[in-house]
Amino acid sequence: MLIQTILFASLLVGVTENNSDYSLPEDSKEETPDLIYTTRQYYFDVQSGCLNNELCLDKVQFIITMDVGVTMQDEVKQAAFRSAKLKYLASGTQNGKWVIVDCNEYEHVYDSANKSVIINFEPGYSDNATVHPVSKCKFSGKLKEKGGMEGLLNFTLPSQKNIQVRFN
């Protein structure tokens, strides 16, 4: 199995000032009243282009939403997974047919002790898509204490090759 690592991704963090419907347990908020509770969206930026001779990506939308408890110094002390979104255009080659891949369905595992998350995305294609350039997508990441998230997004191709995009 060939694994290829591509290092041209970045991360932006957005804060949503929505004080309702947190996924952090209420009793944890009572135990640590000195934390500020909010919802953060982590936007992962993937450069458009061909990652190898079998996969080209364009217009990648990759967002993970987490509920967090932070200190006044913006250190993440508590976190809970809320949702994820992964949608992109994909092609098997640079001049090939482009299809929309919408990963609406996913399964996640969040380890609150290590602040790490694993998300297995199910690539969704329209009924008339004749090309399926990606078989599976998996993200393994970890929240950084001083903000941000690092991780690895792995695309498994029909040929069983893996292409990885690293976020620091």
Protein backbone atom coordinates (compact mmCIF):
# COMPACT_ATOMS: atom_id res chain seq x y z
CA MET A 1 0.00 0.00 0.00
CA LEU A 2 1.42 3.35 -1.05
CA ILE A 3 1.03 6.31 1.30
CA GLN A 4 1.76 9.77 0.01
CA THR A 5 1.87 12.76 2.36
CA ILE A 6 1.05 16.21 1.08
CA LEU A 7 1.98 19.19 3.27
CA PHE A 8 0.04 22.14 1.91
CA ALA A 9 -2.89 22.57 4.24
CA SER A 10 -3.73 25.18 6.83
CA LEU A 11 -6.29 25.72 9.56
CA LEU A 12 -8.46 28.66 10.56
CA VAL A 13 -10.44 28.82 13.80
CA GLY A 14 -13.78 30.58 14.12
CA VAL A 15 -15.72 31.23 17.31
CA THR A 16 -19.48 31.04 17.36
CA GLU A 17 -21.08 32.99 20.18
CA ASN A 18 -24.01 30.64 20.48
CA ASN A 19 -24.75 29.90 24.12
CA SER A 20 -27.37 27.22 23.56
CA ASP A 21 -27.30 23.48 23.16
CA TYR A 22 -23.72 22.67 24.19
CA SER A 23 -22.60 19.09 24.02
CA LEU A 24 -20.37 19.49 27.10
CA PRO A 25 -22.02 17.92 30.16
CA GLU A 26 -23.72 20.51 32.40
CA ASP A 27 -22.10 19.07 35.53
CA SER A 28 -18.62 19.72 34.09
CA LYS A 29 -19.54 23.39 33.67
CA GLU A 30 -20.59 23.58 37.31
CA GLU A 31 -17.29 22.02 38.45
CA THR A 32 -15.20 24.58 36.54
CA PRO A 33 -17.01 27.93 36.67
CA ASP A 34 -13.79 29.80 35.74
CA LEU A 35 -13.95 28.53 32.14
CA ILE A 36 -15.61 30.34 29.26
CA TYR A 37 -17.87 28.03 27.26
CA THR A 38 -18.34 28.57 23.53
CA THR A 39 -18.54 26.76 20.21
CA ARG A 40 -15.55 26.81 17.85
CA GLN A 41 -15.38 25.88 14.22
CA TYR A 42 -12.08 24.60 12.86
CA TYR A 43 -11.79 25.34 9.12
CA PHE A 44 -9.24 23.20 7.29
CA ASP A 45 -7.91 24.74 4.08
CA VAL A 46 -6.79 22.31 1.39
CA GLN A 47 -5.12 23.78 -1.69
CA SER A 48 -6.85 22.90 -4.96
CA GLY A 49 -4.93 20.74 -7.39
CA CYS A 50 -3.82 17.20 -8.12
CA LEU A 51 -2.43 15.29 -5.14
CA ASN A 52 -1.07 12.56 -7.40
CA ASN A 53 -1.92 11.11 -10.83
CA GLU A 54 -5.13 9.52 -9.46
CA LEU A 55 -6.77 12.28 -7.40
CA CYS A 56 -7.41 15.98 -7.97
CA LEU A 57 -9.40 18.12 -5.50
CA ASP A 58 -11.08 21.50 -5.80
CA LYS A 59 -13.29 23.66 -3.55
CA VAL A 60 -12.68 21.59 -0.40
CA GLN A 61 -14.94 22.46 2.54
CA PHE A 62 -13.74 20.75 5.72
CA ILE A 63 -15.07 22.03 9.04
CA ILE A 64 -15.11 20.45 12.50
CA THR A 65 -17.31 22.07 15.16
CA MET A 66 -16.44 21.58 18.84
CA ASP A 67 -17.90 22.89 22.08
CA VAL A 68 -15.04 24.08 24.27
CA GLY A 69 -14.34 25.39 27.74
CA VAL A 70 -11.37 27.79 27.67
CA THR A 71 -9.45 29.85 30.22
CA MET A 72 -9.04 33.62 30.03
CA GLN A 73 -5.70 32.88 28.27
CA ASP A 74 -7.63 30.93 25.59
CA GLU A 75 -6.27 27.52 26.66
CA VAL A 76 -8.68 24.70 25.83
CA LYS A 77 -9.39 22.78 29.03
CA GLN A 78 -12.59 20.95 28.04
CA ALA A 79 -13.96 19.98 24.66
CA ALA A 80 -16.73 17.94 23.10
CA PHE A 81 -17.30 17.02 19.48
CA ARG A 82 -20.39 18.60 17.90
CA SER A 83 -20.30 18.01 14.11
CA ALA A 84 -18.19 17.73 10.97
CA LYS A 85 -18.58 18.64 7.32
CA LEU A 86 -16.50 17.47 4.37
CA LYS A 87 -17.47 18.36 0.80
CA TYR A 88 -15.30 18.75 -2.31
CA LEU A 89 -15.01 18.35 -6.06
CA ALA A 90 -12.89 15.37 -7.07
CA SER A 91 -11.51 13.94 -10.27
CA GLY A 92 -9.42 10.89 -11.01
CA THR A 93 -7.13 12.94 -13.27
CA GLN A 94 -6.50 16.59 -14.06
CA ASN A 95 -8.52 16.39 -17.29
CA GLY A 96 -11.02 13.85 -15.99
CA LYS A 97 -14.67 14.26 -15.08
CA TRP A 98 -15.26 16.24 -11.87
CA VAL A 99 -17.84 14.97 -9.38
CA ILE A 100 -19.18 16.46 -6.16
CA VAL A 101 -18.29 14.38 -3.10
CA ASP A 102 -20.51 15.21 -0.13
CA CYS A 103 -19.61 13.33 3.05
CA ASN A 104 -22.83 13.95 4.97
CA GLU A 105 -22.57 10.63 6.77
CA TYR A 106 -19.78 10.00 9.23
CA GLU A 107 -18.93 8.20 12.44
CA HIS A 108 -16.71 9.78 15.06
CA VAL A 109 -14.87 8.82 18.22
CA TYR A 110 -13.81 11.58 20.60
CA ASP A 111 -11.38 10.95 23.46
CA SER A 112 -11.87 13.80 25.93
CA ALA A 113 -8.84 12.82 28.03
CA ASN A 114 -6.47 13.29 25.06
CA LYS A 115 -8.67 15.81 23.19
CA SER A 116 -8.35 13.65 20.08
CA VAL A 117 -10.95 12.86 17.43
CA ILE A 118 -11.22 10.25 14.69
CA ILE A 119 -13.85 10.80 12.01
CA ASN A 120 -14.65 8.22 9.34
CA PHE A 121 -16.47 9.93 6.46
CA GLU A 122 -18.60 8.06 3.95
CA PRO A 123 -18.10 9.68 0.53
CA GLY A 124 -21.48 10.44 -1.00
CA TYR A 125 -21.95 10.68 -4.76
CA SER A 126 -24.98 11.69 -6.79
CA ASP A 127 -26.93 8.91 -8.49
CA ASN A 128 -25.70 9.97 -11.93
CA ALA A 129 -22.00 10.06 -10.95
CA THR A 130 -20.13 7.56 -13.10
CA VAL A 131 -16.76 8.19 -11.41
CA HIS A 132 -16.01 7.59 -7.72
CA PRO A 133 -12.44 8.86 -7.20
CA VAL A 134 -12.45 8.35 -3.40
CA SER A 135 -13.52 5.20 -1.55
CA LYS A 136 -13.02 6.39 2.04
CA CYS A 137 -11.99 9.49 3.98
CA LYS A 138 -10.67 9.44 7.53
CA PHE A 139 -9.52 12.30 9.76
CA SER A 140 -7.40 11.72 12.87
CA GLY A 141 -6.71 14.86 14.85
CA LYS A 142 -6.08 16.46 18.18
CA LEU A 143 -7.00 19.81 19.70
CA LYS A 144 -4.03 21.97 20.61
CA GLU A 145 -4.13 23.45 24.11
CA LYS A 146 -3.38 26.95 22.82
CA GLY A 147 -6.01 26.80 20.09
CA GLY A 148 -6.22 25.14 16.74
CA MET A 149 -6.25 21.51 15.74
CA GLU A 150 -3.66 19.29 14.11
CA GLY A 151 -4.24 16.09 12.27
CA LEU A 152 -4.19 13.97 9.16
CA LEU A 153 -6.89 13.61 6.50
CA ASN A 154 -6.53 10.33 4.64
CA PHE A 155 -8.15 9.67 1.26
CA THR A 156 -8.36 6.01 0.22
CA LEU A 157 -8.65 5.60 -3.55
CA PRO A 158 -10.37 2.73 -5.38
CA SER A 159 -6.87 1.39 -6.15
CA GLN A 160 -6.37 1.11 -2.33
CA LYS A 161 -3.66 3.81 -2.43
CA ASN A 162 -3.78 6.30 0.44
CA ILE A 163 -3.15 10.01 0.08
CA GLN A 164 -2.68 12.02 3.26
CA VAL A 165 -3.07 15.72 3.91
CA ARG A 166 -1.45 16.96 7.13
CA PHE A 167 -2.72 19.92 9.15
CA ASN A 168 -0.43 21.56 11.70
